[in-house]
Amino acid sequence: MALDHAEFDRLLTQAQSCAQRAADENDPLLYKDAFEFSLQAMRLLAEESGAWRQMVARATEEFEGDEASEPVASLPWRAVQP
């Protein structure tokens, strides 16, 4: 899953706009709206972060599996040089 940059930017712009209006108008409901837009943006980032963690974990497992199947002498960083 790739981060939807357009949606992320839209949410941040909405949050900033609501926050500015809330400050200008001293309206607590607009602060709440700004906070909710910020939470939605953070959720998008959290989803992307979770997807990256899963991909890294999978790649690590695959690498460790490949490494275990190779003879130690064939690995360049483990080979003993005369």
PDB file of N, CA and C in Angstrom:
ATOM      1  N   MET A   1       0.847  -1.184   0.000  1.00  0.00           N
ATOM      2  CA  MET A   1       0.000   0.000   0.000  1.00  0.00           C
ATOM      3  C   MET A   1       0.885   1.238   0.000  1.00  0.00           C
ATOM      4  N   ALA A   2       0.626   2.147  -0.889  1.00  0.00           N
ATOM      5  CA  ALA A   2       1.397   3.385  -0.958  1.00  0.00           C
ATOM      6  C   ALA A   2       0.581   4.515  -0.342  1.00  0.00           C
ATOM      7  N   LEU A   3       1.288   5.402   0.305  1.00  0.00           N
ATOM      8  CA  LEU A   3       0.639   6.555   0.917  1.00  0.00           C
ATOM      9  C   LEU A   3      -0.009   7.409  -0.174  1.00  0.00           C
ATOM     10  N   ASP A   4      -1.246   7.745   0.021  1.00  0.00           N
ATOM     11  CA  ASP A   4      -1.971   8.618  -0.906  1.00  0.00           C
ATOM     12  C   ASP A   4      -1.584  10.057  -0.545  1.00  0.00           C
ATOM     13  N   HIS A   5      -0.569  10.560  -1.225  1.00  0.00           N
ATOM     14  CA  HIS A   5      -0.043  11.896  -0.904  1.00  0.00           C
ATOM     15  C   HIS A   5      -1.083  12.991  -1.099  1.00  0.00           C
ATOM     16  N   ALA A   6      -1.898  12.850  -2.121  1.00  0.00           N
ATOM     17  CA  ALA A   6      -2.932  13.872  -2.376  1.00  0.00           C
ATOM     18  C   ALA A   6      -3.925  13.919  -1.222  1.00  0.00           C
ATOM     19  N   GLU A   7      -4.352  12.750  -0.759  1.00  0.00           N
ATOM     20  CA  GLU A   7      -5.295  12.692   0.362  1.00  0.00           C
ATOM     21  C   GLU A   7      -4.636  13.210   1.645  1.00  0.00           C
ATOM     22  N   PHE A   8      -3.392  12.823   1.860  1.00  0.00           N
ATOM     23  CA  PHE A   8      -2.658  13.287   3.042  1.00  0.00           C
ATOM     24  C   PHE A   8      -2.528  14.810   3.033  1.00  0.00           C
ATOM     25  N   ASP A   9      -2.135  15.368   1.897  1.00  0.00           N
ATOM     26  CA  ASP A   9      -2.009  16.829   1.777  1.00  0.00           C
ATOM     27  C   ASP A   9      -3.363  17.518   1.961  1.00  0.00           C
ATOM     28  N   ARG A  10      -4.417  16.919   1.407  1.00  0.00           N
ATOM     29  CA  ARG A  10      -5.748  17.489   1.559  1.00  0.00           C
ATOM     30  C   ARG A  10      -6.152  17.548   3.028  1.00  0.00           C
ATOM     31  N   LEU A  11      -5.899  16.466   3.751  1.00  0.00           N
ATOM     32  CA  LEU A  11      -6.251  16.433   5.176  1.00  0.00           C
ATOM     33  C   LEU A  11      -5.454  17.462   5.972  1.00  0.00           C
ATOM     34  N   LEU A  12      -4.175  17.584   5.669  1.00  0.00           N
ATOM     35  CA  LEU A  12      -3.355  18.582   6.378  1.00  0.00           C
ATOM     36  C   LEU A  12      -3.805  20.001   6.058  1.00  0.00           C
ATOM     37  N   THR A  13      -4.164  20.246   4.803  1.00  0.00           N
ATOM     38  CA  THR A  13      -4.649  21.568   4.414  1.00  0.00           C
ATOM     39  C   THR A  13      -5.959  21.882   5.119  1.00  0.00           C
ATOM     40  N   GLN A  14      -6.846  20.893   5.178  1.00  0.00           N
ATOM     41  CA  GLN A  14      -8.114  21.079   5.884  1.00  0.00           C
ATOM     42  C   GLN A  14      -7.870  21.362   7.362  1.00  0.00           C
ATOM     43  N   ALA A  15      -6.963  20.612   7.975  1.00  0.00           N
ATOM     44  CA  ALA A  15      -6.651  20.817   9.398  1.00  0.00           C
ATOM     45  C   ALA A  15      -6.112  22.224   9.627  1.00  0.00           C
ATOM     46  N   GLN A  16      -5.206  22.652   8.769  1.00  0.00           N
ATOM     47  CA  GLN A  16      -4.620  23.987   8.904  1.00  0.00           C
ATOM     48  C   GLN A  16      -5.678  25.073   8.702  1.00  0.00           C
ATOM     49  N   SER A  17      -6.536  24.889   7.726  1.00  0.00           N
ATOM     50  CA  SER A  17      -7.584  25.860   7.456  1.00  0.00           C
ATOM     51  C   SER A  17      -8.550  25.970   8.636  1.00  0.00           C
ATOM     52  N   CYS A  18      -8.966  24.825   9.159  1.00  0.00           N
ATOM     53  CA  CYS A  18      -9.879  24.832  10.317  1.00  0.00           C
ATOM     54  C   CYS A  18      -9.216  25.461  11.532  1.00  0.00           C
ATOM     55  N   ALA A  19      -7.960  25.149  11.739  1.00  0.00           N
ATOM     56  CA  ALA A  19      -7.253  25.712  12.889  1.00  0.00           C
ATOM     57  C   ALA A  19      -7.135  27.228  12.767  1.00  0.00           C
ATOM     58  N   GLN A  20      -6.842  27.709  11.558  1.00  0.00           N
ATOM     59  CA  GLN A  20      -6.735  29.155  11.357  1.00  0.00           C
ATOM     60  C   GLN A  20      -8.086  29.837  11.577  1.00  0.00           C
ATOM     61  N   ARG A  21      -9.131  29.243  11.020  1.00  0.00           N
ATOM     62  CA  ARG A  21     -10.479  29.805  11.228  1.00  0.00           C
ATOM     63  C   ARG A  21     -10.873  29.765  12.703  1.00  0.00           C
ATOM     64  N   ALA A  22     -10.528  28.682  13.385  1.00  0.00           N
ATOM     65  CA  ALA A  22     -10.850  28.561  14.807  1.00  0.00           C
ATOM     66  C   ALA A  22     -10.168  29.666  15.603  1.00  0.00           C
ATOM     67  N   ALA A  23      -8.916  29.948  15.260  1.00  0.00           N
ATOM     68  CA  ALA A  23      -8.189  31.017  15.954  1.00  0.00           C
ATOM     69  C   ALA A  23      -8.793  32.379  15.629  1.00  0.00           C
ATOM     70  N   ASP A  24      -9.134  32.582  14.361  1.00  0.00           N
ATOM     71  CA  ASP A  24      -9.713  33.868  13.953  1.00  0.00           C
ATOM     72  C   ASP A  24     -11.090  34.105  14.571  1.00  0.00           C
ATOM     73  N   GLU A  25     -11.887  33.031  14.633  1.00  0.00           N
ATOM     74  CA  GLU A  25     -13.269  33.162  15.086  1.00  0.00           C
ATOM     75  C   GLU A  25     -13.480  32.715  16.533  1.00  0.00           C
ATOM     76  N   ASN A  26     -12.429  32.204  17.154  1.00  0.00           N
ATOM     77  CA  ASN A  26     -12.507  31.682  18.520  1.00  0.00           C
ATOM     78  C   ASN A  26     -13.665  30.685  18.647  1.00  0.00           C
ATOM     79  N   ASP A  27     -13.680  29.727  17.715  1.00  0.00           N
ATOM     80  CA  ASP A  27     -14.756  28.742  17.641  1.00  0.00           C
ATOM     81  C   ASP A  27     -14.218  27.361  18.023  1.00  0.00           C
ATOM     82  N   PRO A  28     -14.613  26.831  19.184  1.00  0.00           N
ATOM     83  CA  PRO A  28     -14.120  25.526  19.633  1.00  0.00           C
ATOM     84  C   PRO A  28     -14.475  24.377  18.679  1.00  0.00           C
ATOM     85  N   LEU A  29     -15.603  24.484  17.982  1.00  0.00           N
ATOM     86  CA  LEU A  29     -15.973  23.416  17.053  1.00  0.00           C
ATOM     87  C   LEU A  29     -14.996  23.318  15.880  1.00  0.00           C
ATOM     88  N   LEU A  30     -14.456  24.453  15.469  1.00  0.00           N
ATOM     89  CA  LEU A  30     -13.463  24.427  14.389  1.00  0.00           C
ATOM     90  C   LEU A  30     -12.148  23.822  14.875  1.00  0.00           C
ATOM     91  N   TYR A  31     -11.792  24.039  16.141  1.00  0.00           N
ATOM     92  CA  TYR A  31     -10.608  23.369  16.702  1.00  0.00           C
ATOM     93  C   TYR A  31     -10.807  21.855  16.672  1.00  0.00           C
ATOM     94  N   LYS A  32     -12.030  21.438  17.024  1.00  0.00           N
ATOM     95  CA  LYS A  32     -12.357  20.004  16.994  1.00  0.00           C
ATOM     96  C   LYS A  32     -12.225  19.464  15.572  1.00  0.00           C
ATOM     97  N   ASP A  33     -12.743  20.187  14.597  1.00  0.00           N
ATOM     98  CA  ASP A  33     -12.622  19.761  13.199  1.00  0.00           C
ATOM     99  C   ASP A  33     -11.156  19.654  12.781  1.00  0.00           C
ATOM    100  N   ALA A  34     -10.366  20.641  13.155  1.00  0.00           N
ATOM    101  CA  ALA A  34      -8.939  20.622  12.811  1.00  0.00           C
ATOM    102  C   ALA A  34      -8.267  19.390  13.415  1.00  0.00           C
ATOM    103  N   PHE A  35      -8.612  19.097  14.659  1.00  0.00           N
ATOM    104  CA  PHE A  35      -8.042  17.935  15.327  1.00  0.00           C
ATOM    105  C   PHE A  35      -8.444  16.650  14.607  1.00  0.00           C
ATOM    106  N   GLU A  36      -9.699  16.543  14.207  1.00  0.00           N
ATOM    107  CA  GLU A  36     -10.163  15.340  13.512  1.00  0.00           C
ATOM    108  C   GLU A  36      -9.482  15.156  12.159  1.00  0.00           C
ATOM    109  N   PHE A  37      -9.270  16.246  11.424  1.00  0.00           N
ATOM    110  CA  PHE A  37      -8.532  16.145  10.158  1.00  0.00           C
ATOM    111  C   PHE A  37      -7.098  15.695  10.409  1.00  0.00           C
ATOM    112  N   SER A  38      -6.499  16.194  11.481  1.00  0.00           N
ATOM    113  CA  SER A  38      -5.133  15.789  11.834  1.00  0.00           C
ATOM    114  C   SER A  38      -5.079  14.302  12.174  1.00  0.00           C
ATOM    115  N   LEU A  39      -6.082  13.830  12.908  1.00  0.00           N
ATOM    116  CA  LEU A  39      -6.134  12.399  13.242  1.00  0.00           C
ATOM    117  C   LEU A  39      -6.253  11.537  11.995  1.00  0.00           C
ATOM    118  N   GLN A  40      -7.065  11.966  11.046  1.00  0.00           N
ATOM    119  CA  GLN A  40      -7.202  11.205   9.801  1.00  0.00           C
ATOM    120  C   GLN A  40      -5.871  11.135   9.054  1.00  0.00           C
ATOM    121  N   ALA A  41      -5.147  12.243   9.032  1.00  0.00           N
ATOM    122  CA  ALA A  41      -3.835  12.259   8.376  1.00  0.00           C
ATOM    123  C   ALA A  41      -2.875  11.318   9.093  1.00  0.00           C
ATOM    124  N   MET A  42      -2.920  11.330  10.432  1.00  0.00           N
ATOM    125  CA  MET A  42      -2.040  10.439  11.189  1.00  0.00           C
ATOM    126  C   MET A  42      -2.390   8.974  10.951  1.00  0.00           C
ATOM    127  N   ARG A  43      -3.671   8.690  10.776  1.00  0.00           N
ATOM    128  CA  ARG A  43      -4.090   7.309  10.488  1.00  0.00           C
ATOM    129  C   ARG A  43      -3.512   6.841   9.148  1.00  0.00           C
ATOM    130  N   LEU A  44      -3.522   7.726   8.157  1.00  0.00           N
ATOM    131  CA  LEU A  44      -2.914   7.361   6.866  1.00  0.00           C
ATOM    132  C   LEU A  44      -1.439   7.006   7.046  1.00  0.00           C
ATOM    133  N   LEU A  45      -0.730   7.818   7.834  1.00  0.00           N
ATOM    134  CA  LEU A  45       0.685   7.536   8.083  1.00  0.00           C
ATOM    135  C   LEU A  45       0.868   6.233   8.852  1.00  0.00           C
ATOM    136  N   ALA A  46       0.013   5.988   9.823  1.00  0.00           N
ATOM    137  CA  ALA A  46       0.118   4.761  10.622  1.00  0.00           C
ATOM    138  C   ALA A  46      -0.110   3.527   9.751  1.00  0.00           C
ATOM    139  N   GLU A  47      -1.081   3.600   8.845  1.00  0.00           N
ATOM    140  CA  GLU A  47      -1.336   2.480   7.937  1.00  0.00           C
ATOM    141  C   GLU A  47      -0.116   2.214   7.065  1.00  0.00           C
ATOM    142  N   GLU A  48       0.483   3.269   6.560  1.00  0.00           N
ATOM    143  CA  GLU A  48       1.666   3.124   5.709  1.00  0.00           C
ATOM    144  C   GLU A  48       2.824   2.555   6.517  1.00  0.00           C
ATOM    145  N   SER A  49       2.979   3.039   7.736  1.00  0.00           N
ATOM    146  CA  SER A  49       4.048   2.549   8.605  1.00  0.00           C
ATOM    147  C   SER A  49       3.869   1.059   8.881  1.00  0.00           C
ATOM    148  N   GLY A  50       2.639   0.648   9.155  1.00  0.00           N
ATOM    149  CA  GLY A  50       2.371  -0.766   9.396  1.00  0.00           C
ATOM    150  C   GLY A  50       2.693  -1.612   8.182  1.00  0.00           C
ATOM    151  N   ALA A  51       2.354  -1.115   7.002  1.00  0.00           N
ATOM    152  CA  ALA A  51       2.649  -1.844   5.770  1.00  0.00           C
ATOM    153  C   ALA A  51       4.153  -1.982   5.577  1.00  0.00           C
ATOM    154  N   TRP A  52       4.906  -0.921   5.853  1.00  0.00           N
ATOM    155  CA  TRP A  52       6.362  -0.979   5.727  1.00  0.00           C
ATOM    156  C   TRP A  52       6.956  -1.974   6.714  1.00  0.00           C
ATOM    157  N   ARG A  53       6.447  -1.970   7.959  1.00  0.00           N
ATOM    158  CA  ARG A  53       6.961  -2.915   8.959  1.00  0.00           C
ATOM    159  C   ARG A  53       6.744  -4.353   8.503  1.00  0.00           C
ATOM    160  N   GLN A  54       5.571  -4.622   7.947  1.00  0.00           N
ATOM    161  CA  GLN A  54       5.290  -5.976   7.472  1.00  0.00           C
ATOM    162  C   GLN A  54       6.220  -6.367   6.326  1.00  0.00           C
ATOM    163  N   MET A  55       6.466  -5.444   5.394  1.00  0.00           N
ATOM    164  CA  MET A  55       7.355  -5.746   4.273  1.00  0.00           C
ATOM    165  C   MET A  55       8.787  -5.987   4.750  1.00  0.00           C
ATOM    166  N   VAL A  56       9.249  -5.184   5.706  1.00  0.00           N
ATOM    167  CA  VAL A  56      10.605  -5.362   6.226  1.00  0.00           C
ATOM    168  C   VAL A  56      10.716  -6.695   6.970  1.00  0.00           C
ATOM    169  N   ALA A  57       9.706  -7.016   7.769  1.00  0.00           N
ATOM    170  CA  ALA A  57       9.726  -8.290   8.495  1.00  0.00           C
ATOM    171  C   ALA A  57       9.752  -9.466   7.522  1.00  0.00           C
ATOM    172  N   ARG A  58       8.936  -9.393   6.464  1.00  0.00           N
ATOM    173  CA  ARG A  58       8.904 -10.453   5.470  1.00  0.00           C
ATOM    174  C   ARG A  58      10.248 -10.576   4.758  1.00  0.00           C
ATOM    175  N   ALA A  59      10.818  -9.440   4.366  1.00  0.00           N
ATOM    176  CA  ALA A  59      12.118  -9.462   3.671  1.00  0.00           C
ATOM    177  C   ALA A  59      13.202 -10.014   4.585  1.00  0.00           C
ATOM    178  N   THR A  60      13.151  -9.651   5.865  1.00  0.00           N
ATOM    179  CA  THR A  60      14.143 -10.156   6.819  1.00  0.00           C
ATOM    180  C   THR A  60      14.021 -11.662   6.964  1.00  0.00           C
ATOM    181  N   GLU A  61      12.789 -12.154   7.078  1.00  0.00           N
ATOM    182  CA  GLU A  61      12.584 -13.597   7.190  1.00  0.00           C
ATOM    183  C   GLU A  61      13.102 -14.322   5.952  1.00  0.00           C
ATOM    184  N   GLU A  62      12.825 -13.763   4.783  1.00  0.00           N
ATOM    185  CA  GLU A  62      13.291 -14.381   3.545  1.00  0.00           C
ATOM    186  C   GLU A  62      14.813 -14.371   3.477  1.00  0.00           C
ATOM    187  N   PHE A  63      15.435 -13.260   3.872  1.00  0.00           N
ATOM    188  CA  PHE A  63      16.893 -13.166   3.853  1.00  0.00           C
ATOM    189  C   PHE A  63      17.493 -14.175   4.820  1.00  0.00           C
ATOM    190  N   GLU A  64      16.938 -14.249   6.028  1.00  0.00           N
ATOM    191  CA  GLU A  64      17.466 -15.191   7.007  1.00  0.00           C
ATOM    192  C   GLU A  64      17.296 -16.625   6.527  1.00  0.00           C
ATOM    193  N   GLY A  65      16.198 -16.896   5.849  1.00  0.00           N
ATOM    194  CA  GLY A  65      15.987 -18.235   5.289  1.00  0.00           C
ATOM    195  C   GLY A  65      16.995 -18.544   4.206  1.00  0.00           C
ATOM    196  N   ASP A  66      17.262 -17.575   3.323  1.00  0.00           N
ATOM    197  CA  ASP A  66      18.260 -17.760   2.261  1.00  0.00           C
ATOM    198  C   ASP A  66      19.647 -17.915   2.843  1.00  0.00           C
ATOM    199  N   GLU A  67      19.962 -17.124   3.863  1.00  0.00           N
ATOM    200  CA  GLU A  67      21.286 -17.158   4.480  1.00  0.00           C
ATOM    201  C   GLU A  67      21.533 -18.519   5.128  1.00  0.00           C
ATOM    202  N   ALA A  68      20.525 -19.084   5.755  1.00  0.00           N
ATOM    203  CA  ALA A  68      20.674 -20.366   6.434  1.00  0.00           C
ATOM    204  C   ALA A  68      20.892 -21.498   5.445  1.00  0.00           C
ATOM    205  N   SER A  69      20.418 -21.366   4.220  1.00  0.00           N
ATOM    206  CA  SER A  69      20.559 -22.446   3.244  1.00  0.00           C
ATOM    207  C   SER A  69      21.898 -22.413   2.513  1.00  0.00           C
ATOM    208  N   GLU A  70      22.658 -21.309   2.634  1.00  0.00           N
ATOM    209  CA  GLU A  70      23.953 -21.211   1.963  1.00  0.00           C
ATOM    210  C   GLU A  70      25.060 -21.720   2.870  1.00  0.00           C
ATOM    211  N   PRO A  71      26.048 -22.390   2.293  1.00  0.00           N
ATOM    212  CA  PRO A  71      27.212 -22.777   3.103  1.00  0.00           C
ATOM    213  C   PRO A  71      27.931 -21.516   3.586  1.00  0.00           C
ATOM    214  N   VAL A  72      28.442 -21.567   4.784  1.00  0.00           N
ATOM    215  CA  VAL A  72      29.082 -20.398   5.386  1.00  0.00           C
ATOM    216  C   VAL A  72      30.249 -19.905   4.538  1.00  0.00           C
ATOM    217  N   ALA A  73      31.008 -20.796   3.956  1.00  0.00           N
ATOM    218  CA  ALA A  73      32.172 -20.389   3.166  1.00  0.00           C
ATOM    219  C   ALA A  73      31.776 -19.617   1.916  1.00  0.00           C
ATOM    220  N   SER A  74      30.551 -19.781   1.451  1.00  0.00           N
ATOM    221  CA  SER A  74      30.139 -19.070   0.234  1.00  0.00           C
ATOM    222  C   SER A  74      29.720 -17.636   0.507  1.00  0.00           C
ATOM    223  N   LEU A  75      29.543 -17.271   1.776  1.00  0.00           N
ATOM    224  CA  LEU A  75      29.169 -15.904   2.113  1.00  0.00           C
ATOM    225  C   LEU A  75      30.429 -15.059   2.200  1.00  0.00           C
ATOM    226  N   PRO A  76      30.528 -14.009   1.391  1.00  0.00           N
ATOM    227  CA  PRO A  76      31.774 -13.244   1.315  1.00  0.00           C
ATOM    228  C   PRO A  76      32.206 -12.615   2.634  1.00  0.00           C
ATOM    229  N   TRP A  77      31.289 -12.198   3.455  1.00  0.00           N
ATOM    230  CA  TRP A  77      31.695 -11.546   4.698  1.00  0.00           C
ATOM    231  C   TRP A  77      32.057 -12.553   5.775  1.00  0.00           C
ATOM    232  N   ARG A  78      31.797 -13.837   5.525  1.00  0.00           N
ATOM    233  CA  ARG A  78      32.134 -14.870   6.507  1.00  0.00           C
ATOM    234  C   ARG A  78      33.274 -15.752   6.029  1.00  0.00           C
ATOM    235  N   ALA A  79      33.645 -15.590   4.795  1.00  0.00           N
ATOM    236  CA  ALA A  79      34.718 -16.436   4.254  1.00  0.00           C
ATOM    237  C   ALA A  79      36.043 -16.053   4.893  1.00  0.00           C
ATOM    238  N   VAL A  80      36.806 -17.068   5.203  1.00  0.00           N
ATOM    239  CA  VAL A  80      38.122 -16.836   5.770  1.00  0.00           C
ATOM    240  C   VAL A  80      39.104 -16.675   4.631  1.00  0.00           C
ATOM    241  N   GLN A  81      39.799 -15.556   4.631  1.00  0.00           N
ATOM    242  CA  GLN A  81      40.778 -15.297   3.576  1.00  0.00           C
ATOM    243  C   GLN A  81      42.163 -15.724   4.050  1.00  0.00           C
ATOM    244  N   PRO A  82      42.903 -16.439   3.188  1.00  0.00           N
ATOM    245  CA  PRO A  82      44.264 -16.867   3.576  1.00  0.00           C
ATOM    246  C   PRO A  82      45.220 -15.703   3.601  1.00  0.00           C
TER     247      PRO A  82
END
